[in-house]
Amino acid sequence: MAEVTTSRIDPRARQKRKFSDYAPTYGAAIALTILLILNLAFTPGFASFNNFSNILVQVTPTMLVAIGMTFVIATGGIDLSVGSVMAIASAVTAVSLDYGAIPAVLLGLIVATAVGALNGALISSFRIQPIIITLAVLIAGRGIAQVISNGGQLIPFSNPTFEYLGKGLIAGIPVQILLLAAIVGLAIFVFRSTIFGRYIAAVGGNETAAHLAGVPTVSTKLSVYAVSGLLAGIAGLIYTARLGASDASKVGDTIELDAIAATVVGGTPLVGGRASIIGTVIGALIMIVITTSFNMNDMKYSWSLVIKAAIILLAVYLQRPKTN
């Protein structure tokens, strides 16, 4: 235990690990660059401004969820419930729009954050494996969203104020992209410059040692799952506002897979203890560029899933613990 703590504190140890810590992120950046070059060379229309704008708009929900997933995975956890949380936030907001867009949005985000906090409370207080708790919420949450939306019915709406979140422009830039940029910047600040960010790394690195060192492990884990729920809620509202309707059976469907993939490919190890928000952003872009390139070249989408799976396996392999 003492050796682990010392290696975390000793500046010389950090210096020695510097390249290995960031190598996965560099690798993801190189992979994204190669993908972009190949598409620029061989995919007609890929270089257009409209295409790049469309890529950023489409990746926004996944990237938001992936940032929340990064918080969770950095503590050594996992959150499989994010897609269902998106659906719950979507359904709650859609059925509440008669009371005004702002109250409906706030209610949707509060409920999403509460579901995330519930995940964290169950995991941290009762010592239940995160994959079990969040899998149960994934299943139950989708059902709850369908109950809220009258048995899973499509809920169309016309509310320009709310729809501005998914369709609005500020100085020609989609609102959701500006919101995403702000959240990315805030997440980077949290991990690099706050005590909370250090707590997250400590819990993921060695929870027992962190607890003995005075780190509030229970509240830290509860908080990261609440953050994951909140960001999933924001993603769900953006998706719903862009669509102009709430579909509890479709909103956020399987998004947890892309979010986990983006996080891991970007250099955040599944064992926790380290996080890379920039890497997660790059990982999410890799996922969407692969999908876009297959669609624009009229290739079967199923093969893009195979490539994504191969990339994930490669990322996990590169992050495996090194043995002497």
Protein backbone atom coordinates (compact mmCIF):
# COMPACT_ATOMS: atom_id res chain seq x y z
CA MET A 1 0.00 0.00 0.00
CA ALA A 2 2.83 2.36 0.92
CA GLU A 3 4.49 1.76 -2.43
CA VAL A 4 1.29 2.64 -4.29
CA THR A 5 0.83 5.85 -2.32
CA THR A 6 4.46 6.86 -2.77
CA SER A 7 4.38 6.30 -6.50
CA ARG A 8 1.39 8.59 -6.75
CA ILE A 9 2.95 11.38 -4.76
CA ASP A 10 6.60 11.26 -5.83
CA PRO A 11 7.09 13.77 -8.72
CA ARG A 12 9.89 11.59 -10.10
CA ALA A 13 7.50 8.64 -10.37
CA ARG A 14 5.04 10.83 -12.24
CA GLN A 15 7.77 11.94 -14.60
CA LYS A 16 8.71 8.33 -15.36
CA ARG A 17 5.10 7.42 -16.12
CA LYS A 18 4.39 10.49 -18.19
CA PHE A 19 4.72 8.97 -21.66
CA SER A 20 2.96 5.69 -20.80
CA ASP A 21 0.09 7.63 -19.22
CA TYR A 22 -0.56 9.64 -22.35
CA ALA A 23 0.45 7.12 -25.01
CA PRO A 24 -3.15 5.81 -25.51
CA THR A 25 -4.39 9.36 -26.11
CA TYR A 26 -1.61 10.00 -28.61
CA GLY A 27 -2.49 6.73 -30.32
CA ALA A 28 -6.16 7.75 -30.53
CA ALA A 29 -5.18 11.12 -32.01
CA ILE A 30 -3.05 9.38 -34.64
CA ALA A 31 -5.88 6.97 -35.45
CA LEU A 32 -8.33 9.87 -35.87
CA THR A 33 -5.88 11.72 -38.10
CA ILE A 34 -5.45 8.65 -40.32
CA LEU A 35 -9.23 8.21 -40.56
CA LEU A 36 -9.68 11.86 -41.56
CA ILE A 37 -6.93 11.71 -44.19
CA LEU A 38 -8.38 8.53 -45.71
CA ASN A 39 -11.87 10.05 -45.85
CA LEU A 40 -10.61 13.32 -47.28
CA ALA A 41 -8.87 11.33 -50.01
CA PHE A 42 -11.49 8.71 -50.82
CA THR A 43 -14.93 9.84 -49.55
CA PRO A 44 -16.69 12.30 -51.87
CA GLY A 45 -18.14 15.28 -50.04
CA PHE A 46 -16.46 14.45 -46.74
CA ALA A 47 -14.49 17.71 -46.69
CA SER A 48 -17.59 19.93 -46.94
CA PHE A 49 -18.42 22.33 -44.12
CA ASN A 50 -21.94 20.89 -43.89
CA ASN A 51 -20.56 17.40 -43.36
CA PHE A 52 -18.19 18.46 -40.58
CA SER A 53 -20.98 20.44 -38.93
CA ASN A 54 -23.26 17.43 -39.19
CA ILE A 55 -20.60 15.19 -37.63
CA LEU A 56 -20.26 17.52 -34.64
CA VAL A 57 -24.03 17.74 -34.22
CA GLN A 58 -24.45 13.98 -34.36
CA VAL A 59 -21.59 13.27 -31.97
CA THR A 60 -22.74 15.73 -29.30
CA PRO A 61 -25.04 13.34 -27.33
CA THR A 62 -22.46 10.54 -27.45
CA MET A 63 -19.66 12.85 -26.39
CA LEU A 64 -21.66 14.24 -23.48
CA VAL A 65 -22.47 10.74 -22.25
CA ALA A 66 -18.86 9.68 -22.78
CA ILE A 67 -17.59 12.58 -20.64
CA GLY A 68 -19.86 11.44 -17.82
CA MET A 69 -18.65 7.89 -18.39
CA THR A 70 -15.07 9.13 -18.06
CA PHE A 71 -15.82 10.45 -14.58
CA VAL A 72 -17.27 7.07 -13.61
CA ILE A 73 -14.60 4.87 -15.18
CA ALA A 74 -11.86 7.00 -13.62
CA THR A 75 -13.11 5.76 -10.23
CA GLY A 76 -12.97 2.16 -11.44
CA GLY A 77 -16.73 1.97 -12.06
CA ILE A 78 -19.01 1.63 -15.07
CA ASP A 79 -22.43 3.07 -15.94
CA LEU A 80 -24.58 1.00 -18.26
CA SER A 81 -27.73 2.97 -17.41
CA VAL A 82 -26.94 6.16 -19.34
CA GLY A 83 -29.13 5.33 -22.35
CA SER A 84 -32.13 4.70 -20.12
CA VAL A 85 -31.41 7.88 -18.17
CA MET A 86 -31.50 9.76 -21.48
CA ALA A 87 -34.90 8.20 -22.21
CA ILE A 88 -36.24 9.11 -18.75
CA ALA A 89 -35.10 12.73 -19.07
CA SER A 90 -36.61 12.89 -22.55
CA ALA A 91 -39.97 11.49 -21.43
CA VAL A 92 -40.19 13.62 -18.27
CA THR A 93 -39.41 16.80 -20.21
CA ALA A 94 -41.76 16.00 -23.08
CA VAL A 95 -44.78 15.39 -20.83
CA SER A 96 -43.98 18.52 -18.80
CA LEU A 97 -43.68 21.04 -21.64
CA ASP A 98 -47.21 22.30 -21.02
CA TYR A 99 -45.83 23.96 -17.88
CA GLY A 100 -43.14 25.78 -19.88
CA ALA A 101 -39.84 24.86 -21.45
CA ILE A 102 -37.58 25.94 -18.58
CA PRO A 103 -39.48 24.09 -15.81
CA ALA A 104 -39.70 21.00 -18.04
CA VAL A 105 -35.96 21.06 -18.79
CA LEU A 106 -35.07 21.56 -15.12
CA LEU A 107 -37.37 18.72 -14.08
CA GLY A 108 -35.87 16.39 -16.68
CA LEU A 109 -32.32 17.18 -15.57
CA ILE A 110 -33.17 16.86 -11.87
CA VAL A 111 -34.68 13.43 -12.43
CA ALA A 112 -31.70 12.31 -14.56
CA THR A 113 -29.24 13.52 -11.90
CA ALA A 114 -31.27 11.79 -9.18
CA VAL A 115 -31.15 8.48 -11.05
CA GLY A 116 -27.39 8.82 -11.41
CA ALA A 117 -27.04 9.69 -7.71
CA LEU A 118 -29.15 6.63 -6.85
CA ASN A 119 -26.70 4.48 -8.81
CA GLY A 120 -23.82 6.00 -6.88
CA ALA A 121 -25.54 5.62 -3.52
CA LEU A 122 -26.30 1.94 -4.06
CA ILE A 123 -22.81 1.21 -5.35
CA SER A 124 -20.88 3.12 -2.69
CA SER A 125 -23.05 2.39 0.34
CA PHE A 126 -23.94 -1.26 -0.25
CA ARG A 127 -20.73 -2.31 -2.03
CA ILE A 128 -22.64 -3.77 -4.97
CA GLN A 129 -20.75 -4.13 -8.24
CA PRO A 130 -21.40 -1.12 -10.53
CA ILE A 131 -22.12 -3.34 -13.53
CA ILE A 132 -24.95 -5.07 -11.62
CA ILE A 133 -26.60 -1.89 -10.33
CA THR A 134 -26.37 0.04 -13.59
CA LEU A 135 -27.52 -2.97 -15.64
CA ALA A 136 -30.62 -3.19 -13.45
CA VAL A 137 -31.26 0.54 -13.89
CA LEU A 138 -30.69 0.19 -17.65
CA ILE A 139 -33.54 -2.34 -17.79
CA ALA A 140 -35.85 -0.70 -15.27
CA GLY A 141 -35.15 2.83 -16.51
CA ARG A 142 -36.23 2.07 -20.04
CA GLY A 143 -39.48 0.66 -18.66
CA ILE A 144 -40.00 3.73 -16.45
CA ALA A 145 -39.47 6.00 -19.45
CA GLN A 146 -42.09 4.07 -21.40
CA VAL A 147 -44.55 4.27 -18.49
CA ILE A 148 -44.05 8.03 -18.26
CA SER A 149 -44.74 8.34 -22.01
CA ASN A 150 -48.05 6.45 -21.82
CA GLY A 151 -46.79 2.99 -22.66
CA GLY A 152 -43.92 4.04 -24.87
CA GLN A 153 -45.94 6.19 -27.26
CA LEU A 154 -44.20 8.75 -29.42
CA ILE A 155 -44.73 12.20 -27.88
CA PRO A 156 -44.47 14.91 -30.54
CA PHE A 157 -44.40 18.54 -29.49
CA SER A 158 -44.01 22.04 -30.84
CA ASN A 159 -42.10 24.25 -28.45
CA PRO A 160 -39.64 26.64 -30.14
CA THR A 161 -37.97 27.54 -26.84
CA PHE A 162 -37.11 23.93 -26.02
CA GLU A 163 -36.32 23.01 -29.62
CA TYR A 164 -33.77 25.83 -29.72
CA LEU A 165 -31.56 23.56 -27.59
CA GLY A 166 -31.28 21.11 -30.48
CA LYS A 167 -31.81 23.31 -33.51
CA GLY A 168 -30.77 26.82 -32.52
CA LEU A 169 -27.74 28.75 -33.79
CA ILE A 170 -25.54 31.37 -32.16
CA ALA A 171 -23.35 33.24 -34.62
CA GLY A 172 -23.96 30.42 -37.08
CA ILE A 173 -22.77 27.74 -34.63
CA PRO A 174 -25.28 25.14 -33.32
CA VAL A 175 -26.18 25.77 -29.68
CA GLN A 176 -25.49 22.17 -28.74
CA ILE A 177 -21.90 22.41 -30.01
CA LEU A 178 -21.28 25.52 -27.91
CA LEU A 179 -22.79 23.78 -24.89
CA LEU A 180 -20.62 20.74 -25.54
CA ALA A 181 -17.49 22.90 -25.78
CA ALA A 182 -18.31 24.53 -22.43
CA ILE A 183 -18.84 21.15 -20.74
CA VAL A 184 -15.62 19.74 -22.20
CA GLY A 185 -13.71 22.75 -20.89
CA LEU A 186 -15.31 22.43 -17.46
CA ALA A 187 -14.54 18.70 -17.28
CA ILE A 188 -10.89 19.32 -18.17
CA PHE A 189 -10.71 21.97 -15.44
CA VAL A 190 -12.24 19.61 -12.87
CA PHE A 191 -9.72 16.84 -13.52
CA ARG A 192 -6.67 19.09 -13.78
CA SER A 193 -7.31 21.83 -11.23
CA THR A 194 -9.73 20.74 -8.50
CA ILE A 195 -9.59 18.62 -5.37
CA PHE A 196 -12.59 16.67 -6.67
CA GLY A 197 -10.57 15.64 -9.72
CA ARG A 198 -7.77 14.39 -7.48
CA TYR A 199 -10.28 12.52 -5.34
CA ILE A 200 -11.59 10.74 -8.45
CA ALA A 201 -8.10 9.61 -9.45
CA ALA A 202 -7.32 8.51 -5.90
CA VAL A 203 -10.49 6.42 -5.58
CA GLY A 204 -9.86 4.78 -8.96
CA GLY A 205 -6.20 4.14 -8.20
CA ASN A 206 -6.65 2.50 -4.81
CA GLU A 207 -9.93 3.02 -3.00
CA THR A 208 -8.74 1.53 0.30
CA ALA A 209 -5.62 3.67 0.39
CA ALA A 210 -7.66 6.73 -0.59
CA HIS A 211 -10.09 6.12 2.27
CA LEU A 212 -7.24 5.75 4.76
CA ALA A 213 -5.75 8.99 3.43
CA GLY A 214 -8.97 10.85 4.21
CA VAL A 215 -10.54 10.94 0.76
CA PRO A 216 -14.38 10.92 1.00
CA THR A 217 -14.74 7.84 -1.17
CA VAL A 218 -18.49 7.39 -0.72
CA SER A 219 -19.43 10.96 -1.65
CA THR A 220 -16.90 10.96 -4.50
CA LYS A 221 -18.42 7.86 -6.09
CA LEU A 222 -21.95 9.16 -5.55
CA SER A 223 -20.96 12.45 -7.18
CA VAL A 224 -19.42 10.93 -10.32
CA TYR A 225 -22.55 8.86 -10.97
CA ALA A 226 -24.68 11.97 -10.42
CA VAL A 227 -22.50 13.79 -12.98
CA SER A 228 -22.96 10.88 -15.37
CA GLY A 229 -26.73 11.07 -14.90
CA LEU A 230 -26.79 14.83 -15.42
CA LEU A 231 -24.75 14.68 -18.64
CA ALA A 232 -26.89 11.80 -19.91
CA GLY A 233 -29.95 13.93 -19.17
CA ILE A 234 -28.52 16.86 -21.13
CA ALA A 235 -27.74 14.51 -24.02
CA GLY A 236 -31.29 13.15 -23.92
CA LEU A 237 -32.79 16.64 -24.04
CA ILE A 238 -30.59 17.69 -26.95
CA TYR A 239 -31.54 14.56 -28.88
CA THR A 240 -35.22 15.11 -28.12
CA ALA A 241 -35.16 18.80 -29.01
CA ARG A 242 -33.46 18.04 -32.32
CA LEU A 243 -35.97 15.28 -33.13
CA GLY A 244 -39.03 17.30 -32.11
CA ALA A 245 -40.48 14.31 -30.28
CA SER A 246 -39.77 11.92 -27.43
CA ASP A 247 -39.53 8.21 -28.19
CA ALA A 248 -38.81 6.30 -24.98
CA SER A 249 -37.90 3.12 -26.83
CA LYS A 250 -35.32 4.81 -29.07
CA VAL A 251 -33.74 7.71 -27.19
CA GLY A 252 -30.28 6.68 -26.00
CA ASP A 253 -30.61 3.12 -27.30
CA THR A 254 -27.17 1.39 -26.99
CA ILE A 255 -25.41 4.75 -26.52
CA GLU A 256 -23.63 3.31 -23.48
CA LEU A 257 -21.59 1.12 -25.81
CA ASP A 258 -20.28 4.04 -27.87
CA ALA A 259 -19.66 6.04 -24.69
CA ILE A 260 -17.59 3.26 -23.11
CA ALA A 261 -15.76 2.75 -26.39
CA ALA A 262 -14.94 6.45 -26.72
CA THR A 263 -13.68 6.60 -23.13
CA VAL A 264 -11.48 3.51 -23.37
CA VAL A 265 -10.16 4.27 -26.85
CA GLY A 266 -9.31 7.78 -25.65
CA GLY A 267 -6.97 6.46 -22.98
CA THR A 268 -8.99 6.19 -19.77
CA PRO A 269 -8.27 2.68 -18.44
CA LEU A 270 -11.18 0.54 -17.27
CA VAL A 271 -9.37 -0.13 -14.00
CA GLY A 272 -9.58 3.57 -13.11
CA GLY A 273 -7.05 5.89 -11.53
CA ARG A 274 -6.57 8.08 -14.58
CA ALA A 275 -8.74 10.02 -17.00
CA SER A 276 -8.34 11.88 -20.27
CA ILE A 277 -11.20 14.14 -21.31
CA ILE A 278 -9.36 15.15 -24.49
CA GLY A 279 -8.85 11.46 -25.21
CA THR A 280 -12.58 10.82 -24.71
CA VAL A 281 -13.41 13.62 -27.16
CA ILE A 282 -11.03 12.06 -29.70
CA GLY A 283 -12.47 8.60 -29.06
CA ALA A 284 -16.02 9.83 -29.66
CA LEU A 285 -14.91 11.49 -32.89
CA ILE A 286 -13.31 8.23 -34.03
CA MET A 287 -16.61 6.40 -33.48
CA ILE A 288 -18.67 8.96 -35.43
CA VAL A 289 -16.14 9.29 -38.27
CA ILE A 290 -16.19 5.52 -38.77
CA THR A 291 -20.00 5.54 -38.90
CA THR A 292 -20.09 8.56 -41.22
CA SER A 293 -17.51 7.16 -43.61
CA PHE A 294 -19.43 3.90 -43.93
CA ASN A 295 -22.70 5.72 -44.55
CA MET A 296 -21.21 8.09 -47.14
CA ASN A 297 -19.57 5.22 -49.02
CA ASP A 298 -22.75 3.08 -49.01
CA MET A 299 -21.04 0.34 -47.02
CA LYS A 300 -22.87 -1.99 -44.67
CA TYR A 301 -23.22 -0.48 -41.21
CA SER A 302 -22.62 -3.88 -39.61
CA TRP A 303 -18.99 -3.79 -40.75
CA SER A 304 -18.47 -0.48 -38.95
CA LEU A 305 -19.48 -2.24 -35.74
CA VAL A 306 -16.83 -4.87 -36.37
CA ILE A 307 -14.19 -2.17 -36.82
CA LYS A 308 -15.32 -0.38 -33.66
CA ALA A 309 -15.07 -3.64 -31.72
CA ALA A 310 -11.56 -4.25 -33.06
CA ILE A 311 -10.50 -0.74 -32.05
CA ILE A 312 -11.85 -1.27 -28.53
CA LEU A 313 -10.01 -4.56 -28.15
CA LEU A 314 -6.80 -2.97 -29.39
CA ALA A 315 -7.19 -0.08 -26.94
CA VAL A 316 -7.77 -2.42 -24.01
CA TYR A 317 -4.80 -4.54 -25.07
CA LEU A 318 -2.51 -1.50 -25.18
CA GLN A 319 -3.70 -0.46 -21.73
CA ARG A 320 -3.11 -3.86 -20.13
CA PRO A 321 -0.85 -3.92 -17.08
CA LYS A 322 2.76 -4.50 -18.04
CA THR A 323 4.49 -7.47 -16.41
CA ASN A 324 8.20 -7.86 -15.93
